[in-house]
C-alpha atoms as a PDB file:
ATOM      1  CA  MET A   1      11.250  -1.279  18.570  1.00  0.00           C
ATOM      2  CA  LEU A   2       8.720   1.525  18.305  1.00  0.00           C
ATOM      3  CA  ALA A   3       5.363   0.920  16.647  1.00  0.00           C
ATOM      4  CA  TYR A   4       2.604   2.971  15.109  1.00  0.00           C
ATOM      5  CA  ALA A   5      -1.048   2.011  14.683  1.00  0.00           C
ATOM      6  CA  ARG A   6      -3.689   4.016  12.876  1.00  0.00           C
ATOM      7  CA  SER A   7      -7.281   3.216  11.985  1.00  0.00           C
ATOM      8  CA  ASP A   8     -10.677   4.845  11.752  1.00  0.00           C
ATOM      9  CA  ASP A   9     -12.176   1.920  13.694  1.00  0.00           C
ATOM     10  CA  PRO A  10     -11.427   1.713  17.443  1.00  0.00           C
ATOM     11  CA  ALA A  11     -11.615  -2.099  17.430  1.00  0.00           C
ATOM     12  CA  GLN A  12      -9.186  -2.306  14.491  1.00  0.00           C
ATOM     13  CA  LEU A  13      -6.881   0.144  16.225  1.00  0.00           C
ATOM     14  CA  ALA A  14      -6.801  -2.045  19.335  1.00  0.00           C
ATOM     15  CA  ALA A  15      -6.199  -5.156  17.201  1.00  0.00           C
ATOM     16  CA  GLN A  16      -3.297  -3.453  15.401  1.00  0.00           C
ATOM     17  CA  ALA A  17      -1.762  -2.363  18.701  1.00  0.00           C
ATOM     18  CA  GLY A  18      -2.053  -5.930  20.006  1.00  0.00           C
ATOM     19  CA  ARG A  19      -0.298  -7.372  16.926  1.00  0.00           C
ATOM     20  CA  LEU A  20       2.459  -4.788  17.209  1.00  0.00           C
ATOM     21  CA  LYS A  21       3.018  -5.543  20.909  1.00  0.00           C
ATOM     22  CA  GLN A  22       3.063  -9.252  20.136  1.00  0.00           C
ATOM     23  CA  ALA A  23       5.718  -8.562  17.492  1.00  0.00           C
ATOM     24  CA  GLY A  24       7.927  -7.057  20.195  1.00  0.00           C
ATOM     25  CA  ALA A  25       7.171  -3.340  20.230  1.00  0.00           C
ATOM     26  CA  SER A  26       8.358  -1.619  23.378  1.00  0.00           C
ATOM     27  CA  GLN A  27       6.024   1.311  22.770  1.00  0.00           C
ATOM     28  CA  VAL A  28       3.006   1.616  20.485  1.00  0.00           C
ATOM     29  CA  PHE A  29       1.877   5.047  19.353  1.00  0.00           C
ATOM     30  CA  SER A  30      -1.696   4.871  18.128  1.00  0.00           C
ATOM     31  CA  GLU A  31      -4.287   7.254  16.837  1.00  0.00           C
ATOM     32  CA  LEU A  32      -7.803   7.138  15.615  1.00  0.00           C
ATOM     33  CA  ARG A  33      -7.951   8.456  12.071  1.00  0.00           C
ATOM     34  CA  ARG A  34     -10.582  11.149  11.709  1.00  0.00           C
ATOM     35  CA  CYS A  35     -12.475  11.376   8.444  1.00  0.00           C
ATOM     36  CA  GLY A  36     -10.962  14.096   6.277  1.00  0.00           C
ATOM     37  CA  SER A  37      -8.097  14.839   8.660  1.00  0.00           C
ATOM     38  CA  ALA A  38      -4.540  14.550   7.429  1.00  0.00           C
ATOM     39  CA  LEU A  39      -3.142  15.384  10.869  1.00  0.00           C
ATOM     40  CA  THR A  40      -1.121  12.603  12.488  1.00  0.00           C
ATOM     41  CA  PRO A  41       0.289  13.953  15.756  1.00  0.00           C
ATOM     42  CA  GLU A  42       1.143  10.484  17.081  1.00  0.00           C
ATOM     43  CA  LEU A  43       3.079   9.634  13.929  1.00  0.00           C
ATOM     44  CA  ASP A  44       4.928  12.934  14.323  1.00  0.00           C
ATOM     45  CA  ARG A  45       5.804  11.849  17.895  1.00  0.00           C
ATOM     46  CA  VAL A  46       7.112   8.532  16.547  1.00  0.00           C
ATOM     47  CA  PHE A  47       9.380  10.308  14.084  1.00  0.00           C
ATOM     48  CA  SER A  48      10.696  12.626  16.793  1.00  0.00           C
ATOM     49  CA  ASN A  49      11.611   9.560  18.906  1.00  0.00           C
ATOM     50  CA  LEU A  50      13.345   7.572  16.139  1.00  0.00           C
ATOM     51  CA  ARG A  51      17.122   7.457  16.005  1.00  0.00           C
ATOM     52  CA  PRO A  52      19.498   5.987  13.410  1.00  0.00           C
ATOM     53  CA  GLY A  53      19.282   2.192  13.482  1.00  0.00           C
ATOM     54  CA  ASP A  54      15.886   2.133  15.254  1.00  0.00           C
ATOM     55  CA  LEU A  55      13.086  -0.043  13.976  1.00  0.00           C
ATOM     56  CA  LEU A  56       9.549   1.220  13.391  1.00  0.00           C
ATOM     57  CA  ALA A  57       6.881  -1.464  13.135  1.00  0.00           C
ATOM     58  CA  ILE A  58       3.509  -0.921  11.535  1.00  0.00           C
ATOM     59  CA  ASP A  59       0.689  -3.344  10.851  1.00  0.00           C
ATOM     60  CA  THR A  60       0.179  -2.293   7.237  1.00  0.00           C
ATOM     61  CA  LEU A  61       1.910   0.192   4.964  1.00  0.00           C
ATOM     62  CA  VAL A  62      -1.293   2.201   4.683  1.00  0.00           C
ATOM     63  CA  SER A  63      -0.799   3.144   8.342  1.00  0.00           C
ATOM     64  CA  LEU A  64       1.786   5.649   7.099  1.00  0.00           C
ATOM     65  CA  GLY A  65      -0.736   7.601   5.063  1.00  0.00           C
ATOM     66  CA  SER A  66      -3.939   7.644   3.131  1.00  0.00           C
ATOM     67  CA  ASP A  67      -2.343   8.284  -0.239  1.00  0.00           C
ATOM     68  CA  LEU A  68       0.858   7.355  -2.038  1.00  0.00           C
ATOM     69  CA  ARG A  69       2.343  10.826  -1.685  1.00  0.00           C
ATOM     70  CA  ASP A  70       2.059  10.688   2.118  1.00  0.00           C
ATOM     71  CA  ILE A  71       3.428   7.143   2.273  1.00  0.00           C
ATOM     72  CA  PHE A  72       6.459   7.924   0.114  1.00  0.00           C
ATOM     73  CA  GLU A  73       7.148  11.165   1.984  1.00  0.00           C
ATOM     74  CA  ARG A  74       7.148   9.285   5.303  1.00  0.00           C
ATOM     75  CA  LEU A  75       9.320   6.494   3.907  1.00  0.00           C
ATOM     76  CA  SER A  76      11.783   9.184   2.835  1.00  0.00           C
ATOM     77  CA  ARG A  77      11.747  10.642   6.356  1.00  0.00           C
ATOM     78  CA  LEU A  78      12.499   7.206   7.808  1.00  0.00           C
ATOM     79  CA  ARG A  79      15.405   6.768   5.426  1.00  0.00           C
ATOM     80  CA  ALA A  80      16.755  10.243   6.221  1.00  0.00           C
ATOM     81  CA  ILE A  81      16.722   9.397   9.936  1.00  0.00           C
ATOM     82  CA  GLY A  82      18.462   6.100   9.233  1.00  0.00           C
ATOM     83  CA  ALA A  83      15.696   4.078  10.842  1.00  0.00           C
ATOM     84  CA  HIS A  84      14.264   0.829   9.518  1.00  0.00           C
ATOM     85  CA  LEU A  85      10.704  -0.257   8.848  1.00  0.00           C
ATOM     86  CA  LEU A  86       8.936  -3.539   9.562  1.00  0.00           C
ATOM     87  CA  VAL A  87       5.498  -4.029   7.965  1.00  0.00           C
ATOM     88  CA  LEU A  88       3.733  -6.917   9.681  1.00  0.00           C
ATOM     89  CA  ASP A  89       1.080  -7.792   7.104  1.00  0.00           C
ATOM     90  CA  SER A  90       3.529  -8.078   4.198  1.00  0.00           C
ATOM     91  CA  GLY A  91       6.658  -9.106   6.081  1.00  0.00           C
ATOM     92  CA  ALA A  92       8.598  -6.237   4.504  1.00  0.00           C
ATOM     93  CA  ASP A  93      11.659  -5.392   6.578  1.00  0.00           C
ATOM     94  CA  THR A  94      14.136  -2.761   5.437  1.00  0.00           C
ATOM     95  CA  ARG A  95      16.878  -4.323   7.559  1.00  0.00           C
ATOM     96  CA  ARG A  96      17.209  -6.977   4.872  1.00  0.00           C
ATOM     97  CA  ALA A  97      17.550  -6.688   1.135  1.00  0.00           C
ATOM     98  CA  VAL A  98      14.200  -6.413  -0.586  1.00  0.00           C
ATOM     99  CA  SER A  99      13.857  -8.067  -3.965  1.00  0.00           C
ATOM    100  CA  LEU A 100      12.199  -6.335  -6.859  1.00  0.00           C
ATOM    101  CA  PHE A 101       9.364  -8.862  -6.562  1.00  0.00           C
ATOM    102  CA  ASP A 102       8.850  -8.028  -2.884  1.00  0.00           C
ATOM    103  CA  ALA A 103       8.841  -4.313  -3.677  1.00  0.00           C
ATOM    104  CA  ALA A 104       6.323  -4.784  -6.488  1.00  0.00           C
ATOM    105  CA  ALA A 105       4.034  -6.848  -4.254  1.00  0.00           C
ATOM    106  CA  LEU A 106       4.214  -4.241  -1.507  1.00  0.00           C
ATOM    107  CA  PHE A 107       3.520  -1.450  -3.986  1.00  0.00           C
ATOM    108  CA  SER A 108       0.503  -3.391  -5.286  1.00  0.00           C
ATOM    109  CA  GLN A 109      -0.828  -3.659  -1.732  1.00  0.00           C
ATOM    110  CA  VAL A 110      -0.484   0.085  -1.258  1.00  0.00           C
ATOM    111  CA  ILE A 111      -2.220   0.814  -4.545  1.00  0.00           C
ATOM    112  CA  ALA A 112      -5.076  -1.552  -3.686  1.00  0.00           C
ATOM    113  CA  ALA A 113      -5.476  -0.152  -0.177  1.00  0.00           C
ATOM    114  CA  SER A 114      -5.385   3.451  -1.353  1.00  0.00           C
ATOM    115  CA  GLY A 115      -8.301   2.878  -3.715  1.00  0.00           C
ATOM    116  CA  VAL A 116      -6.291   3.781  -6.807  1.00  0.00           C
ATOM    117  CA  THR A 117      -7.219   1.556  -9.711  1.00  0.00           C
ATOM    118  CA  LEU A 118      -5.212   0.837 -12.817  1.00  0.00           C
ATOM    119  CA  PRO A 119      -6.569   1.878 -16.195  1.00  0.00           C
ATOM    120  CA  PHE A 120      -8.382  -1.078 -17.776  1.00  0.00           C
ATOM    121  CA  HIS A 121      -5.663  -1.591 -20.404  1.00  0.00           C
ATOM    122  CA  GLN A 122      -3.011  -2.163 -17.703  1.00  0.00           C
ATOM    123  CA  THR A 123      -4.837  -4.982 -15.923  1.00  0.00           C
ATOM    124  CA  ASP A 124      -4.373  -8.727 -16.107  1.00  0.00           C
ATOM    125  CA  GLU A 125      -7.998  -9.020 -17.209  1.00  0.00           C
ATOM    126  CA  TRP A 126      -7.234  -6.835 -20.241  1.00  0.00           C
ATOM    127  CA  ARG A 127      -4.181  -8.942 -21.105  1.00  0.00           C
ATOM    128  CA  ARG A 128      -6.404 -12.033 -21.109  1.00  0.00           C
ATOM    129  CA  THR A 129      -8.934 -10.217 -23.276  1.00  0.00           C
ATOM    130  CA  VAL A 130      -6.222  -9.339 -25.819  1.00  0.00           C
ATOM    131  CA  ILE A 131      -5.224 -13.018 -26.005  1.00  0.00           C
ATOM    132  CA  GLU A 132      -8.855 -13.955 -26.618  1.00  0.00           C
ATOM    133  CA  LEU A 133      -9.100 -11.268 -29.316  1.00  0.00           C
ATOM    134  CA  ASP A 134      -5.899 -12.493 -30.989  1.00  0.00           C
ATOM    135  CA  ARG A 135      -7.189 -16.084 -31.016  1.00  0.00           C
ATOM    136  CA  GLY A 136     -10.522 -14.957 -32.415  1.00  0.00           C
ATOM    137  CA  ASP A 137     -12.414 -16.246 -29.378  1.00  0.00           C
ATOM    138  CA  ILE A 138     -14.230 -12.921 -28.893  1.00  0.00           C
ATOM    139  CA  THR A 139     -15.010  -9.866 -31.012  1.00  0.00           C
ATOM    140  CA  ALA A 140     -13.982  -6.278 -30.411  1.00  0.00           C
ATOM    141  CA  ASP A 141     -17.600  -5.523 -29.512  1.00  0.00           C
ATOM    142  CA  GLN A 142     -17.560  -8.248 -26.854  1.00  0.00           C
ATOM    143  CA  ALA A 143     -14.247  -6.958 -25.462  1.00  0.00           C
ATOM    144  CA  ALA A 144     -15.653  -3.419 -25.365  1.00  0.00           C
ATOM    145  CA  ALA A 145     -18.756  -4.584 -23.503  1.00  0.00           C
ATOM    146  CA  ARG A 146     -16.649  -6.592 -21.039  1.00  0.00           C
ATOM    147  CA  HIS A 147     -14.504  -3.576 -20.119  1.00  0.00           C
ATOM    148  CA  GLY A 148     -17.132  -0.854 -20.469  1.00  0.00           C
ATOM    149  CA  VAL A 149     -15.307   0.987 -23.246  1.00  0.00           C
ATOM    150  CA  SER A 150     -15.967   1.749 -26.897  1.00  0.00           C
ATOM    151  CA  ARG A 151     -14.920  -0.498 -29.763  1.00  0.00           C
ATOM    152  CA  ALA A 152     -12.461   2.212 -30.902  1.00  0.00           C
ATOM    153  CA  THR A 153     -10.832   2.137 -27.464  1.00  0.00           C
ATOM    154  CA  VAL A 154     -10.403  -1.625 -27.725  1.00  0.00           C
ATOM    155  CA  TYR A 155      -8.551  -1.184 -31.029  1.00  0.00           C
ATOM    156  CA  ARG A 156      -6.452   1.670 -29.627  1.00  0.00           C
ATOM    157  CA  HIS A 157      -5.222  -0.438 -26.672  1.00  0.00           C
ATOM    158  CA  ARG A 158      -5.059  -3.820 -28.361  1.00  0.00           C
ATOM    159  CA  ALA A 159      -1.330  -3.736 -29.127  1.00  0.00           C
END
């Protein structure tokens, strides 16, 4: 099993490498992420060493990239090679069937780690607010203040 570790913190990088070795990695490729740099020469080396049926272990899915586009592009490369992926922090393992719930949880982790936030009207907090509005527990003005939007926006997204 090959492994890849990436962090902007040297101590975190060493901790990731240790967890990957403990998980059984025969070789850990690691690199210190530089602020503003999208270059990942060590990850490129990993991909050049992977063969069909190989397993790549990473500590967290965000190790594959700093944004969703990078992560999905690298997942596609893994699939094209025929290699598998093991993500230690989530337990995701492409050698076994992944349920829709597992995939959704993993996707949520990636979204959270990438700093992307959902629009207010797609959050659980908003769903609770709508229930309170429907029951008459709060007013549209209170809902607007809670979410930092206008009263008109509350009405627009209430349905």
